[in-house]
PDB file of all heavy atoms in Angstrom:
ATOM      1  N   GLY A   1     161.067  93.115 191.851  1.00  0.00           N
ATOM      2  CA  GLY A   1     160.403  91.828 191.465  1.00  0.00           C
ATOM      3  C   GLY A   1     158.906  91.986 191.319  1.00  0.00           C
ATOM      4  O   GLY A   1     158.189  91.020 191.097  1.00  0.00           O
ATOM      5  N   ALA A   2     158.358  93.149 191.428  1.00  0.00           N
ATOM      6  CA  ALA A   2     156.915  93.384 191.393  1.00  0.00           C
ATOM      7  C   ALA A   2     156.499  93.254 190.001  1.00  0.00           C
ATOM      8  O   ALA A   2     157.006  93.724 188.922  1.00  0.00           O
ATOM      9  CB  ALA A   2     156.522  94.736 191.896  1.00  0.00           C
ATOM     10  N   ASP A   3     155.222  92.557 189.874  1.00  0.00           N
ATOM     11  CA  ASP A   3     154.482  92.568 188.599  1.00  0.00           C
ATOM     12  C   ASP A   3     153.720  93.865 188.368  1.00  0.00           C
ATOM     13  O   ASP A   3     153.531  94.373 187.352  1.00  0.00           O
ATOM     14  CB  ASP A   3     153.587  91.327 188.443  1.00  0.00           C
ATOM     15  CG  ASP A   3     154.421  90.071 188.442  1.00  0.00           C
ATOM     16  OD1 ASP A   3     155.285  89.935 187.627  1.00  0.00           O
ATOM     17  OD2 ASP A   3     154.047  89.128 189.233  1.00  0.00           O
ATOM     18  N   TYR A   4     152.909  94.172 189.502  1.00  0.00           N
ATOM     19  CA  TYR A   4     152.065  95.256 189.568  1.00  0.00           C
ATOM     20  C   TYR A   4     152.419  96.170 190.697  1.00  0.00           C
ATOM     21  O   TYR A   4     152.752  95.629 191.839  1.00  0.00           O
ATOM     22  CB  TYR A   4     150.623  94.910 189.685  1.00  0.00           C
ATOM     23  CG  TYR A   4     150.035  94.073 188.477  1.00  0.00           C
ATOM     24  CD1 TYR A   4     150.069  92.685 188.495  1.00  0.00           C
ATOM     25  CD2 TYR A   4     149.444  94.604 187.483  1.00  0.00           C
ATOM     26  CE1 TYR A   4     149.585  91.950 187.556  1.00  0.00           C
ATOM     27  CE2 TYR A   4     148.962  93.935 186.384  1.00  0.00           C
ATOM     28  CZ  TYR A   4     149.069  92.579 186.359  1.00  0.00           C
ATOM     29  OH  TYR A   4     148.607  91.854 185.412  1.00  0.00           O
ATOM     30  N   VAL A   5     152.383  97.553 190.482  1.00  0.00           N
ATOM     31  CA  VAL A   5     152.644  98.422 191.594  1.00  0.00           C
ATOM     32  C   VAL A   5     151.372  99.356 191.680  1.00  0.00           C
ATOM     33  O   VAL A   5     150.952 100.043 190.603  1.00  0.00           O
ATOM     34  CB  VAL A   5     153.892  99.295 191.416  1.00  0.00           C
ATOM     35  CG1 VAL A   5     153.992 100.361 192.488  1.00  0.00           C
ATOM     36  CG2 VAL A   5     155.061  98.490 191.310  1.00  0.00           C
ATOM     37  N   PHE A   6     150.685  99.431 192.866  1.00  0.00           N
ATOM     38  CA  PHE A   6     149.540 100.272 193.002  1.00  0.00           C
ATOM     39  C   PHE A   6     149.983 101.410 193.936  1.00  0.00           C
ATOM     40  O   PHE A   6     150.313 101.227 195.196  1.00  0.00           O
ATOM     41  CB  PHE A   6     148.474  99.468 193.675  1.00  0.00           C
ATOM     42  CG  PHE A   6     147.765  98.410 192.772  1.00  0.00           C
ATOM     43  CD1 PHE A   6     148.340  97.151 192.696  1.00  0.00           C
ATOM     44  CD2 PHE A   6     146.624  98.724 192.133  1.00  0.00           C
ATOM     45  CE1 PHE A   6     147.864  96.143 191.863  1.00  0.00           C
ATOM     46  CE2 PHE A   6     146.015  97.754 191.350  1.00  0.00           C
ATOM     47  CZ  PHE A   6     146.626  96.524 191.134  1.00  0.00           C
ATOM     48  N   MET A   7     149.939 102.689 193.471  1.00  0.00           N
ATOM     49  CA  MET A   7     150.375 103.837 194.181  1.00  0.00           C
ATOM     50  C   MET A   7     149.152 104.414 194.929  1.00  0.00           C
ATOM     51  O   MET A   7     148.421 105.315 194.505  1.00  0.00           O
ATOM     52  CB  MET A   7     150.971 104.726 193.329  1.00  0.00           C
ATOM     53  CG  MET A   7     151.663 105.998 194.175  1.00  0.00           C
ATOM     54  SD  MET A   7     152.792 105.541 195.382  1.00  0.00           S
ATOM     55  CE  MET A   7     153.279 106.981 196.181  1.00  0.00           C
ATOM     56  N   CYS A   8     148.910 103.812 196.223  1.00  0.00           N
ATOM     57  CA  CYS A   8     147.760 104.328 197.014  1.00  0.00           C
ATOM     58  C   CYS A   8     148.263 105.210 198.079  1.00  0.00           C
ATOM     59  O   CYS A   8     147.397 105.850 198.809  1.00  0.00           O
ATOM     60  CB  CYS A   8     147.106 103.128 197.659  1.00  0.00           C
ATOM     61  SG  CYS A   8     146.428 101.927 196.417  1.00  0.00           S
ATOM     62  N   ALA A   9     149.520 105.360 198.234  1.00  0.00           N
ATOM     63  CA  ALA A   9     150.025 106.148 199.363  1.00  0.00           C
ATOM     64  C   ALA A   9     149.885 107.734 199.043  1.00  0.00           C
ATOM     65  O   ALA A   9     150.126 108.022 197.984  1.00  0.00           O
ATOM     66  CB  ALA A   9     151.554 105.910 199.642  1.00  0.00           C
ATOM     67  N   ALA A  10     149.472 108.486 200.027  1.00  0.00           N
ATOM     68  CA  ALA A  10     149.366 109.881 199.845  1.00  0.00           C
ATOM     69  C   ALA A  10     149.017 110.527 201.135  1.00  0.00           C
ATOM     70  O   ALA A  10     148.429 109.955 202.081  1.00  0.00           O
ATOM     71  CB  ALA A  10     148.209 110.179 198.838  1.00  0.00           C
ATOM     72  N   ASN A  11     149.469 111.779 201.182  1.00  0.00           N
ATOM     73  CA  ASN A  11     149.024 112.609 202.345  1.00  0.00           C
ATOM     74  C   ASN A  11     147.773 113.274 202.088  1.00  0.00           C
ATOM     75  O   ASN A  11     147.584 114.178 201.150  1.00  0.00           O
ATOM     76  CB  ASN A  11     150.152 113.533 202.556  1.00  0.00           C
ATOM     77  CG  ASN A  11     149.923 114.458 203.926  1.00  0.00           C
ATOM     78  OD1 ASN A  11     148.825 114.355 204.443  1.00  0.00           O
ATOM     79  ND2 ASN A  11     150.909 115.148 204.397  1.00  0.00           N
ATOM     80  N   THR A  12     146.651 112.671 202.641  1.00  0.00           N
ATOM     81  CA  THR A  12     145.333 113.230 202.437  1.00  0.00           C
ATOM     82  C   THR A  12     144.665 113.808 203.699  1.00  0.00           C
ATOM     83  O   THR A  12     145.174 113.508 204.797  1.00  0.00           O
ATOM     84  CB  THR A  12     144.335 112.146 201.874  1.00  0.00           C
ATOM     85  OG1 THR A  12     144.165 111.208 202.814  1.00  0.00           O
ATOM     86  CG2 THR A  12     144.954 111.649 200.507  1.00  0.00           C
ATOM     87  N   SER A  13     143.605 114.619 203.553  1.00  0.00           N
ATOM     88  CA  SER A  13     142.938 115.283 204.706  1.00  0.00           C
ATOM     89  C   SER A  13     141.636 115.813 204.313  1.00  0.00           C
ATOM     90  O   SER A  13     141.394 115.936 203.112  1.00  0.00           O
ATOM     91  CB  SER A  13     143.804 116.250 205.375  1.00  0.00           C
ATOM     92  OG  SER A  13     144.129 117.269 204.439  1.00  0.00           O
ATOM     93  N   GLY A  14     140.859 116.282 205.292  1.00  0.00           N
ATOM     94  CA  GLY A  14     139.655 116.935 205.032  1.00  0.00           C
ATOM     95  C   GLY A  14     139.823 118.386 204.861  1.00  0.00           C
ATOM     96  O   GLY A  14     140.839 119.019 204.855  1.00  0.00           O
ATOM     97  N   ALA A  15     138.561 119.132 204.824  1.00  0.00           N
ATOM     98  CA  ALA A  15     138.502 120.483 204.632  1.00  0.00           C
ATOM     99  C   ALA A  15     139.235 121.393 205.653  1.00  0.00           C
ATOM    100  O   ALA A  15     139.850 122.361 205.135  1.00  0.00           O
ATOM    101  CB  ALA A  15     136.975 120.923 204.617  1.00  0.00           C
ATOM    102  N   ALA A  16     139.302 121.023 206.801  1.00  0.00           N
ATOM    103  CA  ALA A  16     139.830 121.763 207.871  1.00  0.00           C
ATOM    104  C   ALA A  16     141.412 121.960 207.677  1.00  0.00           C
ATOM    105  O   ALA A  16     141.967 123.009 207.807  1.00  0.00           O
ATOM    106  CB  ALA A  16     139.585 121.231 209.329  1.00  0.00           C
ATOM    107  N   VAL A  17     142.014 120.671 207.275  1.00  0.00           N
ATOM    108  CA  VAL A  17     143.366 120.746 207.162  1.00  0.00           C
ATOM    109  C   VAL A  17     143.862 121.471 205.921  1.00  0.00           C
ATOM    110  O   VAL A  17     144.841 122.249 205.840  1.00  0.00           O
ATOM    111  CB  VAL A  17     143.979 119.251 207.121  1.00  0.00           C
ATOM    112  CG1 VAL A  17     145.463 119.300 206.774  1.00  0.00           C
ATOM    113  CG2 VAL A  17     143.730 118.654 208.507  1.00  0.00           C
ATOM    114  N   ILE A  18     142.980 121.144 204.855  1.00  0.00           N
ATOM    115  CA  ILE A  18     143.220 121.865 203.561  1.00  0.00           C
ATOM    116  C   ILE A  18     143.148 123.450 203.710  1.00  0.00           C
ATOM    117  O   ILE A  18     144.039 124.203 203.184  1.00  0.00           O
ATOM    118  CB  ILE A  18     142.306 121.485 202.414  1.00  0.00           C
ATOM    119  CG1 ILE A  18     142.579 119.937 202.058  1.00  0.00           C
ATOM    120  CG2 ILE A  18     142.434 122.259 201.198  1.00  0.00           C
ATOM    121  CD1 ILE A  18     141.629 119.301 201.298  1.00  0.00           C
ATOM    122  N   GLU A  19     142.231 123.833 204.522  1.00  0.00           N
ATOM    123  CA  GLU A  19     141.957 125.293 204.758  1.00  0.00           C
ATOM    124  C   GLU A  19     143.251 125.803 205.448  1.00  0.00           C
ATOM    125  O   GLU A  19     143.701 127.021 205.203  1.00  0.00           O
ATOM    126  CB  GLU A  19     140.684 125.494 205.500  1.00  0.00           C
ATOM    127  CG  GLU A  19     140.353 126.892 205.650  1.00  0.00           C
ATOM    128  CD  GLU A  19     139.454 127.439 204.765  1.00  0.00           C
ATOM    129  OE1 GLU A  19     138.925 126.741 203.889  1.00  0.00           O
ATOM    130  OE2 GLU A  19     138.924 128.597 204.799  1.00  0.00           O
ATOM    131  N   LYS A  20     143.641 125.173 206.510  1.00  0.00           N
ATOM    132  CA  LYS A  20     144.657 125.833 207.411  1.00  0.00           C
ATOM    133  C   LYS A  20     146.175 125.550 206.884  1.00  0.00           C
ATOM    134  O   LYS A  20     146.953 126.414 207.078  1.00  0.00           O
ATOM    135  CB  LYS A  20     144.530 125.181 208.826  1.00  0.00           C
ATOM    136  CG  LYS A  20     143.251 125.516 209.598  1.00  0.00           C
ATOM    137  CD  LYS A  20     143.159 124.856 210.854  1.00  0.00           C
ATOM    138  CE  LYS A  20     141.814 125.181 211.613  1.00  0.00           C
ATOM    139  NZ  LYS A  20     141.669 124.469 212.900  1.00  0.00           N
ATOM    140  N   THR A  21     146.388 124.400 206.346  1.00  0.00           N
ATOM    141  CA  THR A  21     147.746 123.965 205.970  1.00  0.00           C
ATOM    142  C   THR A  21     147.700 123.377 204.476  1.00  0.00           C
ATOM    143  O   THR A  21     148.079 122.276 204.347  1.00  0.00           O
ATOM    144  CB  THR A  21     148.380 123.105 206.923  1.00  0.00           C
ATOM    145  OG1 THR A  21     147.533 121.865 207.094  1.00  0.00           O
ATOM    146  CG2 THR A  21     148.619 123.761 208.286  1.00  0.00           C
ATOM    147  N   PRO A  22     147.388 124.129 203.524  1.00  0.00           N
ATOM    148  CA  PRO A  22     147.229 123.680 202.138  1.00  0.00           C
ATOM    149  C   PRO A  22     148.519 122.953 201.611  1.00  0.00           C
ATOM    150  O   PRO A  22     148.488 122.053 200.821  1.00  0.00           O
ATOM    151  CB  PRO A  22     146.848 124.779 201.348  1.00  0.00           C
ATOM    152  CG  PRO A  22     147.281 125.988 202.104  1.00  0.00           C
ATOM    153  CD  PRO A  22     147.030 125.619 203.487  1.00  0.00           C
ATOM    154  N   LEU A  23     149.673 123.446 202.009  1.00  0.00           N
ATOM    155  CA  LEU A  23     151.012 122.967 201.474  1.00  0.00           C
ATOM    156  C   LEU A  23     151.372 121.681 201.965  1.00  0.00           C
ATOM    157  O   LEU A  23     152.273 120.923 201.458  1.00  0.00           O
ATOM    158  CB  LEU A  23     152.123 123.932 201.789  1.00  0.00           C
ATOM    159  CG  LEU A  23     152.083 125.273 201.168  1.00  0.00           C
ATOM    160  CD1 LEU A  23     153.143 126.191 201.578  1.00  0.00           C
ATOM    161  CD2 LEU A  23     152.137 125.203 199.596  1.00  0.00           C
ATOM    162  N   VAL A  24     150.595 120.991 203.023  1.00  0.00           N
ATOM    163  CA  VAL A  24     150.794 119.754 203.544  1.00  0.00           C
ATOM    164  C   VAL A  24     150.808 118.701 202.439  1.00  0.00           C
ATOM    165  O   VAL A  24     151.317 117.510 202.538  1.00  0.00           O
ATOM    166  CB  VAL A  24     149.994 119.410 204.746  1.00  0.00           C
ATOM    167  CG1 VAL A  24     148.539 119.195 204.345  1.00  0.00           C
ATOM    168  CG2 VAL A  24     150.662 118.253 205.528  1.00  0.00           C
ATOM    169  N   HIS A  25     150.043 119.005 201.414  1.00  0.00           N
ATOM    170  CA  HIS A  25     149.738 117.956 200.382  1.00  0.00           C
ATOM    171  C   HIS A  25     150.735 118.044 199.252  1.00  0.00           C
ATOM    172  O   HIS A  25     150.653 117.145 198.261  1.00  0.00           O
ATOM    173  CB  HIS A  25     148.391 118.107 199.872  1.00  0.00           C
ATOM    174  CG  HIS A  25     147.259 117.845 200.782  1.00  0.00           C
ATOM    175  ND1 HIS A  25     146.214 118.571 200.941  1.00  0.00           N
ATOM    176  CD2 HIS A  25     147.066 116.813 201.642  1.00  0.00           C
ATOM    177  CE1 HIS A  25     145.427 118.120 201.921  1.00  0.00           C
ATOM    178  NE2 HIS A  25     145.870 117.046 202.352  1.00  0.00           N
ATOM    179  N   VAL A  26     151.723 118.964 199.222  1.00  0.00           N
ATOM    180  CA  VAL A  26     152.517 119.245 198.073  1.00  0.00           C
ATOM    181  C   VAL A  26     153.771 118.374 198.039  1.00  0.00           C
ATOM    182  O   VAL A  26     153.988 117.390 197.256  1.00  0.00           O
ATOM    183  CB  VAL A  26     152.792 120.615 197.930  1.00  0.00           C
ATOM    184  CG1 VAL A  26     153.676 120.919 196.752  1.00  0.00           C
ATOM    185  CG2 VAL A  26     151.520 121.451 197.752  1.00  0.00           C
ATOM    186  N   THR A  27     154.790 118.829 198.801  1.00  0.00           N
ATOM    187  CA  THR A  27     156.168 118.318 198.665  1.00  0.00           C
ATOM    188  C   THR A  27     156.330 116.825 198.847  1.00  0.00           C
ATOM    189  O   THR A  27     156.769 116.005 198.083  1.00  0.00           O
ATOM    190  CB  THR A  27     157.135 119.027 199.673  1.00  0.00           C
ATOM    191  OG1 THR A  27     156.984 120.511 199.470  1.00  0.00           O
ATOM    192  CG2 THR A  27     158.582 118.566 199.482  1.00  0.00           C
ATOM    193  N   GLY A  28     155.700 116.383 200.011  1.00  0.00           N
ATOM    194  CA  GLY A  28     155.869 114.971 200.330  1.00  0.00           C
ATOM    195  C   GLY A  28     155.220 113.955 199.214  1.00  0.00           C
ATOM    196  O   GLY A  28     155.790 112.974 198.884  1.00  0.00           O
ATOM    197  N   ASN A  29     154.111 114.422 198.738  1.00  0.00           N
ATOM    198  CA  ASN A  29     153.295 113.649 197.784  1.00  0.00           C
ATOM    199  C   ASN A  29     154.119 113.603 196.378  1.00  0.00           C
ATOM    200  O   ASN A  29     154.297 112.466 195.732  1.00  0.00           O
ATOM    201  CB  ASN A  29     151.966 114.150 197.590  1.00  0.00           C
ATOM    202  CG  ASN A  29     150.971 113.751 198.626  1.00  0.00           C
ATOM    203  OD1 ASN A  29     151.128 112.590 199.127  1.00  0.00           O
ATOM    204  ND2 ASN A  29     150.020 114.571 198.931  1.00  0.00           N
ATOM    205  N   ILE A  30     154.589 114.717 196.041  1.00  0.00           N
ATOM    206  CA  ILE A  30     155.429 114.820 194.733  1.00  0.00           C
ATOM    207  C   ILE A  30     156.603 113.968 194.784  1.00  0.00           C
ATOM    208  O   ILE A  30     156.939 113.123 193.914  1.00  0.00           O
ATOM    209  CB  ILE A  30     155.739 116.274 194.464  1.00  0.00           C
ATOM    210  CG1 ILE A  30     154.559 116.955 193.961  1.00  0.00           C
ATOM    211  CG2 ILE A  30     156.831 116.280 193.336  1.00  0.00           C
ATOM    212  CD1 ILE A  30     154.852 118.456 193.648  1.00  0.00           C
ATOM    213  N   ILE A  31     157.315 114.078 195.993  1.00  0.00           N
ATOM    214  CA  ILE A  31     158.557 113.127 196.103  1.00  0.00           C
ATOM    215  C   ILE A  31     158.185 111.648 196.025  1.00  0.00           C
ATOM    216  O   ILE A  31     158.841 110.838 195.368  1.00  0.00           O
ATOM    217  CB  ILE A  31     159.324 113.474 197.417  1.00  0.00           C
ATOM    218  CG1 ILE A  31     159.780 114.844 197.325  1.00  0.00           C
ATOM    219  CG2 ILE A  31     160.392 112.527 197.770  1.00  0.00           C
ATOM    220  CD1 ILE A  31     160.409 115.404 198.675  1.00  0.00           C
ATOM    221  N   MET A  32     157.132 111.256 196.852  1.00  0.00           N
ATOM    222  CA  MET A  32     156.728 109.802 196.851  1.00  0.00           C
ATOM    223  C   MET A  32     156.342 109.346 195.332  1.00  0.00           C
ATOM    224  O   MET A  32     156.780 108.399 195.001  1.00  0.00           O
ATOM    225  CB  MET A  32     155.491 109.727 197.731  1.00  0.00           C
ATOM    226  CG  MET A  32     155.958 109.607 199.186  1.00  0.00           C
ATOM    227  SD  MET A  32     154.563 109.114 200.250  1.00  0.00           S
ATOM    228  CE  MET A  32     153.292 110.357 200.020  1.00  0.00           C
ATOM    229  N   ASN A  33     155.441 110.122 194.713  1.00  0.00           N
ATOM    230  CA  ASN A  33     155.135 109.686 193.437  1.00  0.00           C
ATOM    231  C   ASN A  33     156.191 109.657 192.423  1.00  0.00           C
ATOM    232  O   ASN A  33     156.305 108.711 191.682  1.00  0.00           O
ATOM    233  CB  ASN A  33     154.077 110.772 192.891  1.00  0.00           C
ATOM    234  CG  ASN A  33     152.743 110.806 193.676  1.00  0.00           C
ATOM    235  OD1 ASN A  33     152.463 109.860 194.403  1.00  0.00           O
ATOM    236  ND2 ASN A  33     152.109 111.935 193.708  1.00  0.00           N
ATOM    237  N   SER A  34     157.125 110.499 192.511  1.00  0.00           N
ATOM    238  CA  SER A  34     158.313 110.539 191.552  1.00  0.00           C
ATOM    239  C   SER A  34     159.161 109.361 191.905  1.00  0.00           C
ATOM    240  O   SER A  34     159.592 108.769 190.955  1.00  0.00           O
ATOM    241  CB  SER A  34     159.109 111.889 191.710  1.00  0.00           C
ATOM    242  OG  SER A  34     158.432 112.987 191.566  1.00  0.00           O
ATOM    243  N   LEU A  35     159.507 109.202 193.121  1.00  0.00           N
ATOM    244  CA  LEU A  35     160.421 108.053 193.453  1.00  0.00           C
ATOM    245  C   LEU A  35     159.806 106.685 193.185  1.00  0.00           C
ATOM    246  O   LEU A  35     160.531 105.765 192.744  1.00  0.00           O
ATOM    247  CB  LEU A  35     160.837 108.039 194.890  1.00  0.00           C
ATOM    248  CG  LEU A  35     161.787 109.268 195.260  1.00  0.00           C
ATOM    249  CD1 LEU A  35     161.995 109.319 196.697  1.00  0.00           C
ATOM    250  CD2 LEU A  35     163.068 109.185 194.421  1.00  0.00           C
ATOM    251  N   MET A  36     158.523 106.468 193.405  1.00  0.00           N
ATOM    252  CA  MET A  36     157.893 105.237 193.096  1.00  0.00           C
ATOM    253  C   MET A  36     157.786 105.039 191.654  1.00  0.00           C
ATOM    254  O   MET A  36     157.967 103.847 191.267  1.00  0.00           O
ATOM    255  CB  MET A  36     156.521 105.165 193.840  1.00  0.00           C
ATOM    256  CG  MET A  36     156.423 104.912 195.267  1.00  0.00           C
ATOM    257  SD  MET A  36     157.255 103.357 195.709  1.00  0.00           S
ATOM    258  CE  MET A  36     156.023 102.235 194.994  1.00  0.00           C
ATOM    259  N   LEU A  37     157.470 105.900 190.822  1.00  0.00           N
ATOM    260  CA  LEU A  37     157.463 105.756 189.321  1.00  0.00           C
ATOM    261  C   LEU A  37     158.908 105.283 188.972  1.00  0.00           C
ATOM    262  O   LEU A  37     159.083 104.391 188.076  1.00  0.00           O
ATOM    263  CB  LEU A  37     157.111 106.970 188.697  1.00  0.00           C
ATOM    264  CG  LEU A  37     155.573 107.291 188.497  1.00  0.00           C
ATOM    265  CD1 LEU A  37     155.247 108.798 188.130  1.00  0.00           C
ATOM    266  CD2 LEU A  37     155.053 106.387 187.448  1.00  0.00           C
ATOM    267  N   GLU A  38     159.840 106.029 189.375  1.00  0.00           N
ATOM    268  CA  GLU A  38     161.355 105.702 189.094  1.00  0.00           C
ATOM    269  C   GLU A  38     161.725 104.340 189.432  1.00  0.00           C
ATOM    270  O   GLU A  38     162.282 103.595 188.704  1.00  0.00           O
ATOM    271  CB  GLU A  38     162.305 106.693 189.799  1.00  0.00           C
ATOM    272  CG  GLU A  38     163.785 106.582 189.374  1.00  0.00           C
ATOM    273  CD  GLU A  38     164.588 107.558 190.164  1.00  0.00           C
ATOM    274  OE1 GLU A  38     164.488 107.608 191.421  1.00  0.00           O
ATOM    275  OE2 GLU A  38     165.207 108.382 189.385  1.00  0.00           O
ATOM    276  N   ALA A  39     161.268 103.945 190.668  1.00  0.00           N
ATOM    277  CA  ALA A  39     161.741 102.564 191.227  1.00  0.00           C
ATOM    278  C   ALA A  39     160.958 101.489 190.362  1.00  0.00           C
ATOM    279  O   ALA A  39     161.645 100.506 190.063  1.00  0.00           O
ATOM    280  CB  ALA A  39     161.397 102.448 192.674  1.00  0.00           C
ATOM    281  N   ALA A  40     159.689 101.786 190.081  1.00  0.00           N
ATOM    282  CA  ALA A  40     158.874 100.756 189.357  1.00  0.00           C
ATOM    283  C   ALA A  40     159.555 100.530 187.949  1.00  0.00           C
ATOM    284  O   ALA A  40     159.552  99.450 187.362  1.00  0.00           O
ATOM    285  CB  ALA A  40     157.466 101.046 189.278  1.00  0.00           C
ATOM    286  N   TYR A  41     159.813 101.758 187.414  1.00  0.00           N
ATOM    287  CA  TYR A  41     160.467 101.626 186.082  1.00  0.00           C
ATOM    288  C   TYR A  41     161.818 100.854 185.982  1.00  0.00           C
ATOM    289  O   TYR A  41     161.975 100.015 185.104  1.00  0.00           O
ATOM    290  CB  TYR A  41     160.653 103.005 185.460  1.00  0.00           C
ATOM    291  CG  TYR A  41     161.227 103.087 184.072  1.00  0.00           C
ATOM    292  CD1 TYR A  41     160.459 102.721 183.034  1.00  0.00           C
ATOM    293  CD2 TYR A  41     162.579 103.364 183.810  1.00  0.00           C
ATOM    294  CE1 TYR A  41     161.040 102.812 181.705  1.00  0.00           C
ATOM    295  CE2 TYR A  41     163.194 103.466 182.589  1.00  0.00           C
ATOM    296  CZ  TYR A  41     162.336 103.146 181.458  1.00  0.00           C
ATOM    297  OH  TYR A  41     162.852 103.102 180.208  1.00  0.00           O
ATOM    298  N   GLU A  42     162.544 101.212 186.926  1.00  0.00           N
ATOM    299  CA  GLU A  42     163.910 100.474 187.136  1.00  0.00           C
ATOM    300  C   GLU A  42     163.702  98.986 187.360  1.00  0.00           C
ATOM    301  O   GLU A  42     164.560  98.180 186.764  1.00  0.00           O
ATOM    302  CB  GLU A  42     164.737 101.077 188.182  1.00  0.00           C
ATOM    303  CG  GLU A  42     165.272 102.573 187.810  1.00  0.00           C
ATOM    304  CD  GLU A  42     166.083 103.181 188.922  1.00  0.00           C
ATOM    305  OE1 GLU A  42     166.077 102.498 190.042  1.00  0.00           O
ATOM    306  OE2 GLU A  42     166.603 104.269 188.801  1.00  0.00           O
TER     307      GLU A  42
END
C-alpha cells in the first residue's frame, strides 16, 4: 500500500570496521536492497 519507499537501511560503519571486516557490508546489504526493490515493485 505504499506510495513512496525510501531505502535508508544499510549496514554501515567507520574506518576501523571497514579495515578489519570489509565483507560485513556485502551480503546483508545486497539481500536487503534486492528484496526491497522486488517488494516495492510487486
